Amino acid sequence: MKKWTVLLLIVSGVFAITWLNFEPQIIATEPAPAAAVAADDDDDDALQPIDVSMHDLMEGMFQAPYRRLKVAMEKEPTDGPAWKALRSDALILAEASNMLILRKPETDVEAWIKYSVDARSAGAEVVKSAKKQDFTASKAAYVTMLDHCNACHKQFEKGKHILKP
């Protein structure tokens, strides 16, 4: 009888240990991350720009960082925070240029995209040069960025809103 009791305790113990360590397979019921949904979305709903005029977009996204960057480019920054502010405004302008690619005009789309990409690339050079605290290279890239912006303004705004370095 003692053998059966010991055997029953062993079997019960093995069963209890197995039961306690059992982890059922859970089927995911949470929604997929937004990035995964956007990647599967064929109609590009995730990339729809907000419905505002180009004038409102330029004022809201570009005007303030341009004005701050213009002041920052008047003379070489003297400390880390000034360089960081310069980099930040250049980055805002460079990334905002990506938004322009989503807002294609009805005509001359290729020129619009080229100006946007060129402005973004020059803005990225300002960021890179400012990170190295190279004012000469930052200033040159800044002027190049404004040249691309102004070329676009000449074509699409009939020469209005020309930016001065």
N, C-alpha and C. Protein backbone atom coordinates (compact mmCIF):
# COMPACT_ATOMS: atom_id res chain seq x y z
N MET A 1 0.81 -1.18 0.00
CA MET A 1 0.00 0.00 0.00
C MET A 1 0.87 1.25 0.00
N LYS A 2 1.98 1.19 0.74
CA LYS A 2 2.87 2.33 0.81
C LYS A 2 3.45 2.65 -0.57
N LYS A 3 3.75 1.64 -1.37
CA LYS A 3 4.28 1.83 -2.71
C LYS A 3 3.27 2.58 -3.57
N TRP A 4 2.01 2.23 -3.47
CA TRP A 4 0.96 2.89 -4.26
C TRP A 4 0.79 4.35 -3.85
N THR A 5 0.91 4.61 -2.59
CA THR A 5 0.78 5.99 -2.09
C THR A 5 1.93 6.83 -2.61
N VAL A 6 3.14 6.29 -2.55
CA VAL A 6 4.31 7.01 -3.04
C VAL A 6 4.18 7.22 -4.54
N LEU A 7 3.76 6.21 -5.26
CA LEU A 7 3.57 6.30 -6.70
C LEU A 7 2.51 7.35 -7.04
N LEU A 8 1.41 7.35 -6.31
CA LEU A 8 0.34 8.32 -6.52
C LEU A 8 0.84 9.74 -6.25
N LEU A 9 1.65 9.92 -5.20
CA LEU A 9 2.20 11.24 -4.90
C LEU A 9 3.16 11.69 -6.01
N ILE A 10 3.96 10.80 -6.52
CA ILE A 10 4.90 11.14 -7.59
C ILE A 10 4.13 11.55 -8.85
N VAL A 11 3.14 10.74 -9.22
CA VAL A 11 2.34 11.04 -10.41
C VAL A 11 1.61 12.36 -10.23
N SER A 12 1.06 12.58 -9.04
CA SER A 12 0.37 13.84 -8.75
C SER A 12 1.32 15.02 -8.83
N GLY A 13 2.52 14.84 -8.31
CA GLY A 13 3.52 15.91 -8.35
C GLY A 13 3.92 16.25 -9.77
N VAL A 14 4.16 15.22 -10.58
CA VAL A 14 4.52 15.44 -11.99
C VAL A 14 3.37 16.15 -12.71
N PHE A 15 2.15 15.70 -12.46
CA PHE A 15 0.97 16.32 -13.06
C PHE A 15 0.87 17.79 -12.64
N ALA A 16 1.06 18.08 -11.35
CA ALA A 16 0.96 19.45 -10.83
C ALA A 16 2.03 20.34 -11.44
N ILE A 17 3.26 19.84 -11.51
CA ILE A 17 4.35 20.62 -12.10
C ILE A 17 4.08 20.89 -13.57
N THR A 18 3.63 19.89 -14.29
CA THR A 18 3.29 20.05 -15.70
C THR A 18 2.17 21.08 -15.87
N TRP A 19 1.17 20.98 -15.05
CA TRP A 19 0.02 21.88 -15.13
C TRP A 19 0.44 23.33 -14.83
N LEU A 20 1.27 23.51 -13.81
CA LEU A 20 1.70 24.86 -13.44
C LEU A 20 2.61 25.49 -14.49
N ASN A 21 3.35 24.70 -15.21
CA ASN A 21 4.25 25.22 -16.24
C ASN A 21 3.60 25.30 -17.61
N PHE A 22 2.38 24.91 -17.72
CA PHE A 22 1.67 24.92 -19.00
C PHE A 22 1.35 26.36 -19.39
N GLU A 23 1.76 26.76 -20.58
CA GLU A 23 1.44 28.09 -21.10
C GLU A 23 0.67 27.91 -22.40
N PRO A 24 -0.60 28.20 -22.39
CA PRO A 24 -1.38 28.03 -23.60
C PRO A 24 -0.93 29.01 -24.69
N GLN A 25 -1.06 28.61 -25.91
CA GLN A 25 -0.75 29.48 -27.04
C GLN A 25 -1.85 30.51 -27.17
N ILE A 26 -1.46 31.78 -27.13
CA ILE A 26 -2.45 32.85 -27.21
C ILE A 26 -2.44 33.40 -28.63
N ILE A 27 -3.59 33.50 -29.20
CA ILE A 27 -3.73 34.08 -30.53
C ILE A 27 -3.88 35.58 -30.37
N ALA A 28 -3.06 36.35 -31.08
CA ALA A 28 -3.09 37.80 -30.95
C ALA A 28 -4.45 38.35 -31.36
N THR A 29 -5.01 39.15 -30.46
CA THR A 29 -6.29 39.79 -30.77
C THR A 29 -6.14 41.30 -30.81
N GLU A 30 -4.92 41.80 -30.52
CA GLU A 30 -4.70 43.24 -30.57
C GLU A 30 -4.50 43.65 -32.02
N PRO A 31 -4.84 44.90 -32.34
CA PRO A 31 -4.64 45.37 -33.71
C PRO A 31 -3.16 45.45 -34.04
N ALA A 32 -2.85 45.31 -35.30
CA ALA A 32 -1.47 45.40 -35.76
C ALA A 32 -0.97 46.82 -35.56
N PRO A 33 0.35 47.01 -35.38
CA PRO A 33 0.89 48.35 -35.25
C PRO A 33 0.55 49.20 -36.48
N ALA A 34 0.46 50.50 -36.29
CA ALA A 34 0.07 51.40 -37.38
C ALA A 34 1.00 51.28 -38.58
N ALA A 35 2.29 51.09 -38.32
CA ALA A 35 3.23 50.97 -39.43
C ALA A 35 2.93 49.75 -40.29
N ALA A 36 2.54 48.65 -39.66
CA ALA A 36 2.21 47.44 -40.42
C ALA A 36 0.93 47.65 -41.21
N VAL A 37 -0.03 48.33 -40.63
CA VAL A 37 -1.28 48.60 -41.33
C VAL A 37 -1.00 49.51 -42.52
N ALA A 38 -0.17 50.54 -42.30
CA ALA A 38 0.13 51.47 -43.38
C ALA A 38 0.85 50.76 -44.52
N ALA A 39 1.73 49.81 -44.19
CA ALA A 39 2.46 49.09 -45.23
C ALA A 39 1.53 48.23 -46.06
N ASP A 40 0.45 47.72 -45.45
CA ASP A 40 -0.48 46.87 -46.18
C ASP A 40 -1.57 47.66 -46.89
N ASP A 41 -1.65 48.95 -46.64
CA ASP A 41 -2.73 49.77 -47.16
C ASP A 41 -2.40 50.19 -48.59
N ASP A 42 -3.15 49.68 -49.54
CA ASP A 42 -2.87 49.96 -50.95
C ASP A 42 -3.27 51.35 -51.38
N ASP A 43 -4.20 52.01 -50.69
CA ASP A 43 -4.66 53.31 -51.17
C ASP A 43 -3.94 54.47 -50.50
N ASP A 44 -2.88 54.24 -49.76
CA ASP A 44 -2.03 55.26 -49.16
C ASP A 44 -2.78 56.27 -48.30
N ASP A 45 -3.82 55.84 -47.59
CA ASP A 45 -4.54 56.74 -46.69
C ASP A 45 -3.61 57.33 -45.63
N ALA A 46 -2.58 56.61 -45.27
CA ALA A 46 -1.67 57.09 -44.24
C ALA A 46 -0.85 58.29 -44.70
N LEU A 47 -0.78 58.51 -45.99
CA LEU A 47 0.06 59.59 -46.52
C LEU A 47 -0.76 60.78 -47.04
N GLN A 48 -1.96 60.95 -46.57
CA GLN A 48 -2.79 62.06 -47.04
C GLN A 48 -2.44 63.33 -46.28
N PRO A 49 -2.12 64.40 -47.01
CA PRO A 49 -1.83 65.66 -46.33
C PRO A 49 -3.10 66.30 -45.76
N ILE A 50 -2.91 67.14 -44.77
CA ILE A 50 -4.02 67.88 -44.19
C ILE A 50 -4.50 68.90 -45.21
N ASP A 51 -5.79 69.12 -45.25
CA ASP A 51 -6.39 70.00 -46.25
C ASP A 51 -6.24 71.47 -45.85
N VAL A 52 -5.10 72.05 -46.22
CA VAL A 52 -4.87 73.49 -46.06
C VAL A 52 -4.25 74.00 -47.36
N SER A 53 -4.36 75.30 -47.58
CA SER A 53 -3.77 75.88 -48.78
C SER A 53 -2.25 75.83 -48.68
N MET A 54 -1.59 75.93 -49.83
CA MET A 54 -0.13 75.95 -49.84
C MET A 54 0.37 77.18 -49.08
N HIS A 55 -0.33 78.28 -49.18
CA HIS A 55 0.05 79.49 -48.45
C HIS A 55 0.03 79.22 -46.94
N ASP A 56 -1.05 78.60 -46.46
CA ASP A 56 -1.15 78.29 -45.03
C ASP A 56 -0.07 77.30 -44.59
N LEU A 57 0.23 76.33 -45.44
CA LEU A 57 1.28 75.37 -45.11
C LEU A 57 2.63 76.07 -45.00
N MET A 58 2.93 76.93 -45.97
CA MET A 58 4.22 77.63 -45.95
C MET A 58 4.33 78.52 -44.72
N GLU A 59 3.28 79.24 -44.41
CA GLU A 59 3.31 80.09 -43.22
C GLU A 59 3.44 79.25 -41.95
N GLY A 60 2.67 78.19 -41.86
CA GLY A 60 2.63 77.39 -40.65
C GLY A 60 3.85 76.52 -40.42
N MET A 61 4.44 76.00 -41.47
CA MET A 61 5.55 75.06 -41.31
C MET A 61 6.93 75.66 -41.62
N PHE A 62 7.00 76.58 -42.55
CA PHE A 62 8.29 77.03 -43.04
C PHE A 62 8.70 78.41 -42.51
N GLN A 63 7.74 79.30 -42.32
CA GLN A 63 8.08 80.69 -42.03
C GLN A 63 8.88 80.88 -40.73
N ALA A 64 8.42 80.32 -39.63
CA ALA A 64 9.12 80.53 -38.35
C ALA A 64 10.54 79.95 -38.35
N PRO A 65 10.73 78.69 -38.79
CA PRO A 65 12.11 78.19 -38.78
C PRO A 65 13.01 78.94 -39.77
N TYR A 66 12.44 79.37 -40.90
CA TYR A 66 13.24 80.16 -41.85
C TYR A 66 13.70 81.46 -41.21
N ARG A 67 12.79 82.15 -40.52
CA ARG A 67 13.15 83.43 -39.90
C ARG A 67 14.21 83.24 -38.81
N ARG A 68 14.06 82.20 -38.01
CA ARG A 68 15.07 81.95 -36.96
C ARG A 68 16.41 81.57 -37.58
N LEU A 69 16.37 80.75 -38.62
CA LEU A 69 17.61 80.31 -39.27
C LEU A 69 18.30 81.48 -39.95
N LYS A 70 17.53 82.38 -40.53
CA LYS A 70 18.10 83.57 -41.17
C LYS A 70 18.92 84.37 -40.15
N VAL A 71 18.39 84.57 -38.96
CA VAL A 71 19.11 85.29 -37.90
C VAL A 71 20.33 84.49 -37.47
N ALA A 72 20.17 83.18 -37.31
CA ALA A 72 21.29 82.33 -36.88
C ALA A 72 22.44 82.34 -37.88
N MET A 73 22.13 82.54 -39.15
CA MET A 73 23.16 82.51 -40.18
C MET A 73 23.86 83.84 -40.38
N GLU A 74 23.47 84.86 -39.63
CA GLU A 74 24.12 86.16 -39.77
C GLU A 74 25.55 86.14 -39.24
N LYS A 75 25.79 85.35 -38.19
CA LYS A 75 27.14 85.23 -37.66
C LYS A 75 27.29 83.84 -37.05
N GLU A 76 28.53 83.39 -36.97
CA GLU A 76 28.81 82.04 -36.47
C GLU A 76 28.34 81.88 -35.03
N PRO A 77 27.62 80.79 -34.74
CA PRO A 77 27.20 80.52 -33.36
C PRO A 77 28.42 80.41 -32.45
N THR A 78 28.23 80.83 -31.20
CA THR A 78 29.36 80.87 -30.26
C THR A 78 29.31 79.79 -29.20
N ASP A 79 28.18 79.04 -29.13
CA ASP A 79 28.09 78.00 -28.10
C ASP A 79 27.23 76.84 -28.60
N GLY A 80 27.24 75.78 -27.82
CA GLY A 80 26.50 74.57 -28.18
C GLY A 80 25.01 74.78 -28.39
N PRO A 81 24.33 75.49 -27.49
CA PRO A 81 22.89 75.71 -27.69
C PRO A 81 22.57 76.48 -28.98
N ALA A 82 23.41 77.41 -29.37
CA ALA A 82 23.17 78.16 -30.61
C ALA A 82 23.34 77.25 -31.84
N TRP A 83 24.35 76.38 -31.79
CA TRP A 83 24.53 75.42 -32.88
C TRP A 83 23.35 74.45 -32.93
N LYS A 84 22.89 74.03 -31.78
CA LYS A 84 21.76 73.10 -31.72
C LYS A 84 20.49 73.75 -32.29
N ALA A 85 20.26 75.00 -31.99
CA ALA A 85 19.09 75.72 -32.53
C ALA A 85 19.19 75.84 -34.05
N LEU A 86 20.38 76.15 -34.53
CA LEU A 86 20.60 76.24 -35.98
C LEU A 86 20.29 74.90 -36.64
N ARG A 87 20.84 73.84 -36.07
CA ARG A 87 20.60 72.48 -36.60
C ARG A 87 19.12 72.14 -36.58
N SER A 88 18.46 72.48 -35.51
CA SER A 88 17.04 72.15 -35.36
C SER A 88 16.19 72.83 -36.44
N ASP A 89 16.42 74.12 -36.65
CA ASP A 89 15.63 74.82 -37.67
C ASP A 89 15.94 74.32 -39.07
N ALA A 90 17.19 73.98 -39.33
CA ALA A 90 17.54 73.41 -40.64
C ALA A 90 16.86 72.06 -40.84
N LEU A 91 16.82 71.26 -39.78
CA LEU A 91 16.17 69.95 -39.86
C LEU A 91 14.67 70.10 -40.10
N ILE A 92 14.05 71.05 -39.41
CA ILE A 92 12.61 71.28 -39.62
C ILE A 92 12.35 71.64 -41.08
N LEU A 93 13.15 72.53 -41.64
CA LEU A 93 12.95 72.93 -43.03
C LEU A 93 13.22 71.78 -44.00
N ALA A 94 14.26 71.00 -43.72
CA ALA A 94 14.58 69.87 -44.60
C ALA A 94 13.45 68.84 -44.58
N GLU A 95 12.99 68.48 -43.40
CA GLU A 95 11.91 67.48 -43.30
C GLU A 95 10.58 68.03 -43.83
N ALA A 96 10.34 69.31 -43.62
CA ALA A 96 9.11 69.90 -44.15
C ALA A 96 9.11 69.85 -45.68
N SER A 97 10.29 69.88 -46.28
CA SER A 97 10.37 69.76 -47.74
C SER A 97 9.84 68.41 -48.22
N ASN A 98 9.96 67.38 -47.37
CA ASN A 98 9.36 66.09 -47.72
C ASN A 98 7.84 66.20 -47.86
N MET A 99 7.23 67.04 -47.03
CA MET A 99 5.77 67.21 -47.11
C MET A 99 5.34 67.79 -48.44
N LEU A 100 6.20 68.61 -49.02
CA LEU A 100 5.84 69.22 -50.30
C LEU A 100 5.67 68.17 -51.40
N ILE A 101 6.41 67.09 -51.28
CA ILE A 101 6.31 66.02 -52.29
C ILE A 101 4.91 65.41 -52.28
N LEU A 102 4.25 65.40 -51.13
CA LEU A 102 2.88 64.87 -51.04
C LEU A 102 1.85 65.83 -51.62
N ARG A 103 2.22 67.07 -51.79
CA ARG A 103 1.27 68.11 -52.22
C ARG A 103 1.58 68.55 -53.64
N LYS A 104 1.51 67.64 -54.54
CA LYS A 104 1.86 67.91 -55.94
C LYS A 104 0.88 68.91 -56.58
N PRO A 105 1.42 69.83 -57.36
CA PRO A 105 0.55 70.76 -58.07
C PRO A 105 -0.12 70.06 -59.27
N GLU A 106 -1.04 70.75 -59.89
CA GLU A 106 -1.73 70.16 -61.04
C GLU A 106 -0.85 70.11 -62.27
N THR A 107 0.13 71.02 -62.36
CA THR A 107 1.04 71.04 -63.51
C THR A 107 2.48 71.05 -63.01
N ASP A 108 3.39 70.71 -63.90
CA ASP A 108 4.83 70.74 -63.62
C ASP A 108 5.22 69.94 -62.37
N VAL A 109 4.66 68.76 -62.24
CA VAL A 109 4.91 67.91 -61.07
C VAL A 109 6.38 67.55 -60.95
N GLU A 110 7.03 67.24 -62.06
CA GLU A 110 8.44 66.85 -62.01
C GLU A 110 9.31 67.98 -61.46
N ALA A 111 9.05 69.21 -61.88
CA ALA A 111 9.82 70.35 -61.38
C ALA A 111 9.56 70.54 -59.89
N TRP A 112 8.30 70.39 -59.47
CA TRP A 112 7.93 70.54 -58.06
C TRP A 112 8.69 69.54 -57.19
N ILE A 113 8.71 68.30 -57.63
CA ILE A 113 9.41 67.26 -56.87
C ILE A 113 10.91 67.54 -56.84
N LYS A 114 11.47 67.96 -57.97
CA LYS A 114 12.91 68.27 -58.01
C LYS A 114 13.25 69.39 -57.05
N TYR A 115 12.49 70.47 -57.05
CA TYR A 115 12.76 71.57 -56.11
C TYR A 115 12.65 71.09 -54.67
N SER A 116 11.65 70.29 -54.38
CA SER A 116 11.44 69.79 -53.02
C SER A 116 12.60 68.92 -52.57
N VAL A 117 13.01 68.01 -53.43
CA VAL A 117 14.12 67.10 -53.10
C VAL A 117 15.43 67.89 -52.96
N ASP A 118 15.65 68.85 -53.87
CA ASP A 118 16.89 69.64 -53.80
C ASP A 118 16.93 70.49 -52.53
N ALA A 119 15.79 71.09 -52.15
CA ALA A 119 15.74 71.89 -50.92
C ALA A 119 15.98 70.99 -49.71
N ARG A 120 15.37 69.80 -49.73
CA ARG A 120 15.57 68.86 -48.63
C ARG A 120 17.04 68.44 -48.51
N SER A 121 17.67 68.15 -49.64
CA SER A 121 19.07 67.73 -49.63
C SER A 121 19.98 68.83 -49.11
N ALA A 122 19.75 70.06 -49.56
CA ALA A 122 20.57 71.18 -49.08
C ALA A 122 20.32 71.42 -47.60
N GLY A 123 19.07 71.30 -47.16
CA GLY A 123 18.77 71.43 -45.73
C GLY A 123 19.47 70.36 -44.91
N ALA A 124 19.52 69.16 -45.44
CA ALA A 124 20.23 68.07 -44.76
C ALA A 124 21.73 68.38 -44.65
N GLU A 125 22.28 69.05 -45.66
CA GLU A 125 23.69 69.46 -45.60
C GLU A 125 23.91 70.52 -44.53
N VAL A 126 22.94 71.42 -44.37
CA VAL A 126 23.05 72.41 -43.28
C VAL A 126 23.11 71.68 -41.94
N VAL A 127 22.23 70.71 -41.78
CA VAL A 127 22.19 69.94 -40.53
C VAL A 127 23.53 69.25 -40.29
N LYS A 128 24.02 68.58 -41.31
CA LYS A 128 25.28 67.84 -41.17
C LYS A 128 26.46 68.77 -40.87
N SER A 129 26.53 69.89 -41.56
CA SER A 129 27.62 70.85 -41.33
C SER A 129 27.51 71.50 -39.96
N ALA A 130 26.29 71.79 -39.54
CA ALA A 130 26.09 72.41 -38.22
C ALA A 130 26.46 71.43 -37.11
N LYS A 131 26.21 70.18 -37.33
CA LYS A 131 26.59 69.16 -36.33
C LYS A 131 28.11 69.16 -36.14
N LYS A 132 28.84 69.42 -37.22
CA LYS A 132 30.31 69.50 -37.15
C LYS A 132 30.77 70.89 -36.72
N GLN A 133 29.82 71.80 -36.54
CA GLN A 133 30.09 73.20 -36.21
C GLN A 133 30.98 73.87 -37.24
N ASP A 134 30.68 73.57 -38.52
CA ASP A 134 31.39 74.15 -39.65
C ASP A 134 30.49 75.25 -40.24
N PHE A 135 30.74 76.48 -39.82
CA PHE A 135 29.86 77.58 -40.23
C PHE A 135 29.95 77.88 -41.71
N THR A 136 31.14 77.81 -42.28
CA THR A 136 31.31 78.10 -43.71
C THR A 136 30.48 77.13 -44.55
N ALA A 137 30.57 75.84 -44.24
CA ALA A 137 29.80 74.84 -44.99
C ALA A 137 28.30 74.97 -44.70
N SER A 138 27.96 75.28 -43.46
CA SER A 138 26.54 75.47 -43.10
C SER A 138 25.94 76.62 -43.88
N LYS A 139 26.67 77.71 -43.93
CA LYS A 139 26.18 78.92 -44.63
C LYS A 139 26.03 78.63 -46.13
N ALA A 140 27.00 77.95 -46.71
CA ALA A 140 26.93 77.64 -48.15
C ALA A 140 25.72 76.74 -48.44
N ALA A 141 25.50 75.74 -47.61
CA ALA A 141 24.35 74.84 -47.82
C ALA A 141 23.04 75.59 -47.60
N TYR A 142 23.02 76.50 -46.64
CA TYR A 142 21.84 77.32 -46.37
C TYR A 142 21.48 78.17 -47.59
N VAL A 143 22.47 78.82 -48.18
CA VAL A 143 22.24 79.64 -49.38
C VAL A 143 21.75 78.76 -50.52
N THR A 144 22.33 77.59 -50.67
CA THR A 144 21.88 76.65 -51.71
C THR A 144 20.43 76.24 -51.48
N MET A 145 20.08 75.96 -50.23
CA MET A 145 18.69 75.59 -49.91
C MET A 145 17.74 76.72 -50.31
N LEU A 146 18.10 77.95 -49.97
CA LEU A 146 17.23 79.08 -50.33
C LEU A 146 17.17 79.26 -51.85
N ASP A 147 18.26 78.99 -52.55
CA ASP A 147 18.23 79.07 -54.02
C ASP A 147 17.20 78.10 -54.59
N HIS A 148 17.12 76.89 -54.03
CA HIS A 148 16.13 75.91 -54.50
C HIS A 148 14.72 76.36 -54.15
N CYS A 149 14.54 76.90 -52.96
CA CYS A 149 13.22 77.42 -52.56
C CYS A 149 12.81 78.55 -53.51
N ASN A 150 13.73 79.47 -53.77
CA ASN A 150 13.42 80.61 -54.62
C ASN A 150 13.15 80.20 -56.07
N ALA A 151 13.85 79.20 -56.56
CA ALA A 151 13.57 78.71 -57.92
C ALA A 151 12.14 78.19 -58.00
N CYS A 152 11.71 77.50 -56.97
CA CYS A 152 10.33 77.00 -56.92
C CYS A 152 9.35 78.17 -56.83
N HIS A 153 9.65 79.14 -55.98
CA HIS A 153 8.76 80.30 -55.83
C HIS A 153 8.66 81.08 -57.14
N LYS A 154 9.77 81.18 -57.89
CA LYS A 154 9.74 81.88 -59.18
C LYS A 154 8.82 81.16 -60.16
N GLN A 155 8.90 79.83 -60.18
CA GLN A 155 8.08 79.08 -61.13
C GLN A 155 6.63 78.99 -60.70
N PHE A 156 6.38 78.68 -59.44
CA PHE A 156 5.02 78.39 -59.00
C PHE A 156 4.30 79.56 -58.34
N GLU A 157 5.05 80.59 -57.93
CA GLU A 157 4.43 81.76 -57.29
C GLU A 157 4.67 83.04 -58.08
N LYS A 158 5.11 82.87 -59.33
CA LYS A 158 5.37 84.02 -60.21
C LYS A 158 6.32 85.03 -59.57
N GLY A 159 7.32 84.52 -58.86
CA GLY A 159 8.35 85.35 -58.28
C GLY A 159 8.01 85.97 -56.94
N LYS A 160 6.87 85.64 -56.37
CA LYS A 160 6.52 86.17 -55.04
C LYS A 160 7.25 85.36 -53.97
N HIS A 161 7.38 85.94 -52.81
CA HIS A 161 7.92 85.26 -51.61
C HIS A 161 9.37 84.81 -51.80
N ILE A 162 10.18 85.66 -52.44
CA ILE A 162 11.60 85.34 -52.60
C ILE A 162 12.30 85.50 -51.25
N LEU A 163 13.04 84.49 -50.87
CA LEU A 163 13.71 84.45 -49.57
C LEU A 163 15.11 85.04 -49.68
N LYS A 164 15.49 85.79 -48.67
CA LYS A 164 16.83 86.40 -48.64
C LYS A 164 17.67 85.71 -47.57
N PRO A 165 18.90 85.37 -47.95
CA PRO A 165 19.79 84.74 -46.95
C PRO A 165 20.12 85.67 -45.79
